[in-house]
Amino acid sequence: MRGVLTGISGYVPLNALMKTVLSSPDAPPALGPYSQAIGAGPLIFCSGQVPLQAATGELVGPDVAEQTKQVEIEAIAIKPS
């Protein structure tokens, strides 16, 4: 069933959940009208992440392994505690 979240109390339409803009100074800022992530109930919807150093804005590493590690660090930084 699309557009619903199942839980103890049954089905909850996803558009009925409280949405929260999530951001972190430890990840590169979102460009344009975008957010780093949106929280909706227990779900987190992340925007596309790029392997940039948050402090300098420079691309990290020459290979995909280093760049993937940087994107994972950014995703963890955005996640609320």
N, C-alpha and C. Protein backbone atom coordinates (compact mmCIF):
# COMPACT_ATOMS: atom_id res chain seq x y z
N MET A 1 0.85 -1.18 0.00
CA MET A 1 0.00 0.00 0.00
C MET A 1 0.89 1.23 0.00
N ARG A 2 0.80 2.07 -1.00
CA ARG A 2 1.64 3.25 -1.10
C ARG A 2 1.08 4.41 -0.28
N GLY A 3 2.00 5.22 0.27
CA GLY A 3 1.59 6.44 0.95
C GLY A 3 1.08 6.26 2.36
N VAL A 4 1.38 5.09 2.97
CA VAL A 4 0.96 4.90 4.36
C VAL A 4 2.12 4.33 5.16
N LEU A 5 2.10 4.57 6.43
CA LEU A 5 3.09 4.04 7.36
C LEU A 5 2.32 3.17 8.34
N THR A 6 2.72 1.91 8.47
CA THR A 6 2.01 1.03 9.40
C THR A 6 2.64 1.16 10.78
N GLY A 7 1.85 1.00 11.78
CA GLY A 7 2.31 1.09 13.16
C GLY A 7 1.37 0.35 14.06
N ILE A 8 1.56 0.49 15.36
CA ILE A 8 0.74 -0.20 16.34
C ILE A 8 -0.72 0.20 16.20
N SER A 9 -0.97 1.46 15.88
CA SER A 9 -2.35 1.94 15.81
C SER A 9 -2.96 1.77 14.42
N GLY A 10 -2.28 1.09 13.52
CA GLY A 10 -2.83 0.88 12.19
C GLY A 10 -2.12 1.71 11.15
N TYR A 11 -2.88 2.23 10.20
CA TYR A 11 -2.29 2.98 9.09
C TYR A 11 -2.37 4.49 9.33
N VAL A 12 -1.29 5.18 9.01
CA VAL A 12 -1.23 6.63 9.12
C VAL A 12 -0.82 7.17 7.76
N PRO A 13 -1.61 8.02 7.13
CA PRO A 13 -1.17 8.60 5.85
C PRO A 13 0.11 9.41 6.05
N LEU A 14 1.10 9.21 5.16
CA LEU A 14 2.37 9.91 5.31
C LEU A 14 2.21 11.43 5.28
N ASN A 15 1.24 11.94 4.52
CA ASN A 15 1.06 13.39 4.46
C ASN A 15 0.48 13.95 5.76
N ALA A 16 0.03 13.09 6.68
CA ALA A 16 -0.51 13.55 7.96
C ALA A 16 0.58 13.67 9.02
N LEU A 17 1.80 13.19 8.73
CA LEU A 17 2.88 13.24 9.71
C LEU A 17 3.48 14.64 9.77
N MET A 18 3.94 15.03 10.95
CA MET A 18 4.62 16.31 11.13
C MET A 18 5.94 16.27 10.39
N LYS A 19 6.22 17.26 9.57
CA LYS A 19 7.47 17.31 8.81
C LYS A 19 8.41 18.33 9.45
N THR A 20 9.69 17.97 9.51
CA THR A 20 10.70 18.82 10.12
C THR A 20 11.88 18.96 9.17
N VAL A 21 12.34 20.17 8.95
CA VAL A 21 13.54 20.40 8.16
C VAL A 21 14.75 20.05 9.03
N LEU A 22 15.63 19.20 8.51
CA LEU A 22 16.83 18.80 9.24
C LEU A 22 18.06 19.38 8.54
N SER A 23 18.99 19.90 9.33
CA SER A 23 20.23 20.42 8.75
C SER A 23 21.34 20.34 9.79
N SER A 24 22.57 20.41 9.29
CA SER A 24 23.72 20.35 10.18
C SER A 24 24.84 21.22 9.61
N PRO A 25 25.55 21.95 10.45
CA PRO A 25 26.70 22.71 9.97
C PRO A 25 27.87 21.80 9.60
N ASP A 26 27.79 20.51 9.99
CA ASP A 26 28.86 19.54 9.71
C ASP A 26 28.72 18.90 8.34
N ALA A 27 27.73 19.33 7.57
CA ALA A 27 27.54 18.84 6.20
C ALA A 27 27.44 20.07 5.29
N PRO A 28 27.81 19.91 4.01
CA PRO A 28 27.72 21.05 3.10
C PRO A 28 26.29 21.59 3.04
N PRO A 29 26.13 22.90 2.92
CA PRO A 29 24.77 23.46 2.87
C PRO A 29 24.04 23.03 1.60
N ALA A 30 22.74 22.96 1.69
CA ALA A 30 21.91 22.65 0.53
C ALA A 30 21.96 23.83 -0.43
N LEU A 31 21.98 23.55 -1.71
CA LEU A 31 22.02 24.61 -2.72
C LEU A 31 20.61 24.95 -3.17
N GLY A 32 20.38 26.21 -3.47
CA GLY A 32 19.07 26.61 -3.99
C GLY A 32 17.97 26.45 -2.96
N PRO A 33 16.77 26.07 -3.39
CA PRO A 33 15.61 25.98 -2.50
C PRO A 33 15.50 24.63 -1.79
N TYR A 34 16.57 23.88 -1.70
CA TYR A 34 16.51 22.53 -1.16
C TYR A 34 16.86 22.50 0.32
N SER A 35 16.56 21.37 0.97
CA SER A 35 16.94 21.11 2.36
C SER A 35 17.94 19.96 2.38
N GLN A 36 18.76 19.90 3.42
CA GLN A 36 19.66 18.75 3.54
C GLN A 36 18.84 17.48 3.76
N ALA A 37 17.77 17.58 4.53
CA ALA A 37 16.91 16.43 4.78
C ALA A 37 15.59 16.91 5.38
N ILE A 38 14.58 16.06 5.28
CA ILE A 38 13.27 16.30 5.89
C ILE A 38 12.93 15.08 6.75
N GLY A 39 12.52 15.33 7.98
CA GLY A 39 12.05 14.25 8.85
C GLY A 39 10.53 14.25 8.83
N ALA A 40 9.95 13.05 8.72
CA ALA A 40 8.49 12.89 8.75
C ALA A 40 8.20 11.67 9.61
N GLY A 41 7.78 11.91 10.85
CA GLY A 41 7.58 10.78 11.76
C GLY A 41 8.91 10.08 11.96
N PRO A 42 8.96 8.75 11.85
CA PRO A 42 10.21 8.02 12.04
C PRO A 42 11.09 7.97 10.79
N LEU A 43 10.67 8.62 9.71
CA LEU A 43 11.39 8.55 8.45
C LEU A 43 12.25 9.79 8.22
N ILE A 44 13.38 9.62 7.53
CA ILE A 44 14.24 10.74 7.14
C ILE A 44 14.45 10.64 5.64
N PHE A 45 14.16 11.74 4.93
CA PHE A 45 14.34 11.82 3.49
C PHE A 45 15.51 12.76 3.23
N CYS A 46 16.65 12.20 2.81
CA CYS A 46 17.85 13.00 2.54
C CYS A 46 17.89 13.42 1.09
N SER A 47 18.36 14.62 0.87
CA SER A 47 18.59 15.07 -0.49
C SER A 47 19.89 14.46 -0.99
N GLY A 48 20.19 14.65 -2.25
CA GLY A 48 21.44 14.13 -2.79
C GLY A 48 22.62 14.74 -2.06
N GLN A 49 23.51 13.92 -1.61
CA GLN A 49 24.69 14.39 -0.90
C GLN A 49 25.89 14.34 -1.84
N VAL A 50 26.78 15.29 -1.70
CA VAL A 50 27.99 15.34 -2.50
C VAL A 50 29.19 15.28 -1.56
N PRO A 51 30.30 14.70 -2.00
CA PRO A 51 31.46 14.54 -1.11
C PRO A 51 32.29 15.82 -0.99
N LEU A 52 31.74 16.82 -0.33
CA LEU A 52 32.44 18.08 -0.11
C LEU A 52 32.76 18.25 1.37
N GLN A 53 33.90 18.86 1.65
CA GLN A 53 34.23 19.25 3.02
C GLN A 53 33.29 20.39 3.40
N ALA A 54 32.61 20.28 4.52
CA ALA A 54 31.67 21.33 4.94
C ALA A 54 32.39 22.65 5.18
N ALA A 55 33.58 22.59 5.74
CA ALA A 55 34.31 23.82 6.09
C ALA A 55 34.86 24.55 4.88
N THR A 56 35.33 23.80 3.87
CA THR A 56 36.01 24.43 2.74
C THR A 56 35.20 24.41 1.45
N GLY A 57 34.25 23.49 1.34
CA GLY A 57 33.49 23.34 0.11
C GLY A 57 34.25 22.62 -0.99
N GLU A 58 35.42 22.05 -0.65
CA GLU A 58 36.23 21.35 -1.64
C GLU A 58 35.87 19.87 -1.72
N LEU A 59 36.02 19.32 -2.93
CA LEU A 59 35.76 17.90 -3.18
C LEU A 59 36.75 17.05 -2.41
N VAL A 60 36.26 15.96 -1.80
CA VAL A 60 37.10 15.09 -0.99
C VAL A 60 37.62 13.94 -1.85
N GLY A 61 38.90 13.66 -1.73
CA GLY A 61 39.53 12.47 -2.30
C GLY A 61 39.41 12.25 -3.79
N PRO A 62 40.37 11.51 -4.34
CA PRO A 62 40.39 11.23 -5.76
C PRO A 62 39.59 9.98 -6.15
N ASP A 63 39.20 9.17 -5.17
CA ASP A 63 38.52 7.92 -5.53
C ASP A 63 37.15 7.80 -4.86
N VAL A 64 36.36 6.87 -5.40
CA VAL A 64 34.98 6.71 -4.94
C VAL A 64 34.90 6.22 -3.49
N ALA A 65 35.89 5.48 -3.02
CA ALA A 65 35.86 4.98 -1.64
C ALA A 65 35.93 6.14 -0.64
N GLU A 66 36.85 7.07 -0.87
CA GLU A 66 36.97 8.24 0.02
C GLU A 66 35.73 9.12 -0.07
N GLN A 67 35.22 9.30 -1.28
CA GLN A 67 34.05 10.14 -1.48
C GLN A 67 32.81 9.53 -0.83
N THR A 68 32.68 8.21 -0.91
CA THR A 68 31.55 7.53 -0.27
C THR A 68 31.62 7.68 1.24
N LYS A 69 32.82 7.55 1.80
CA LYS A 69 33.00 7.71 3.25
C LYS A 69 32.57 9.12 3.68
N GLN A 70 32.93 10.15 2.89
CA GLN A 70 32.56 11.53 3.21
C GLN A 70 31.04 11.71 3.18
N VAL A 71 30.38 11.14 2.19
CA VAL A 71 28.92 11.25 2.10
C VAL A 71 28.26 10.56 3.29
N GLU A 72 28.81 9.42 3.73
CA GLU A 72 28.26 8.74 4.92
C GLU A 72 28.43 9.61 6.16
N ILE A 73 29.57 10.27 6.28
CA ILE A 73 29.80 11.17 7.43
C ILE A 73 28.78 12.31 7.42
N GLU A 74 28.50 12.86 6.24
CA GLU A 74 27.52 13.94 6.13
C GLU A 74 26.12 13.46 6.50
N ALA A 75 25.75 12.26 6.02
CA ALA A 75 24.41 11.73 6.32
C ALA A 75 24.23 11.52 7.82
N ILE A 76 25.28 11.03 8.48
CA ILE A 76 25.21 10.82 9.93
C ILE A 76 25.11 12.16 10.65
N ALA A 77 25.81 13.19 10.14
CA ALA A 77 25.76 14.52 10.76
C ALA A 77 24.36 15.13 10.67
N ILE A 78 23.66 14.86 9.57
CA ILE A 78 22.32 15.43 9.37
C ILE A 78 21.28 14.73 10.23
N LYS A 79 21.46 13.44 10.49
CA LYS A 79 20.50 12.65 11.25
C LYS A 79 20.33 13.24 12.65
N PRO A 80 19.07 13.45 13.08
CA PRO A 80 18.87 13.98 14.43
C PRO A 80 19.27 12.95 15.49
N SER A 81 19.72 13.44 16.67
CA SER A 81 20.13 12.51 17.72
C SER A 81 18.97 11.90 18.45
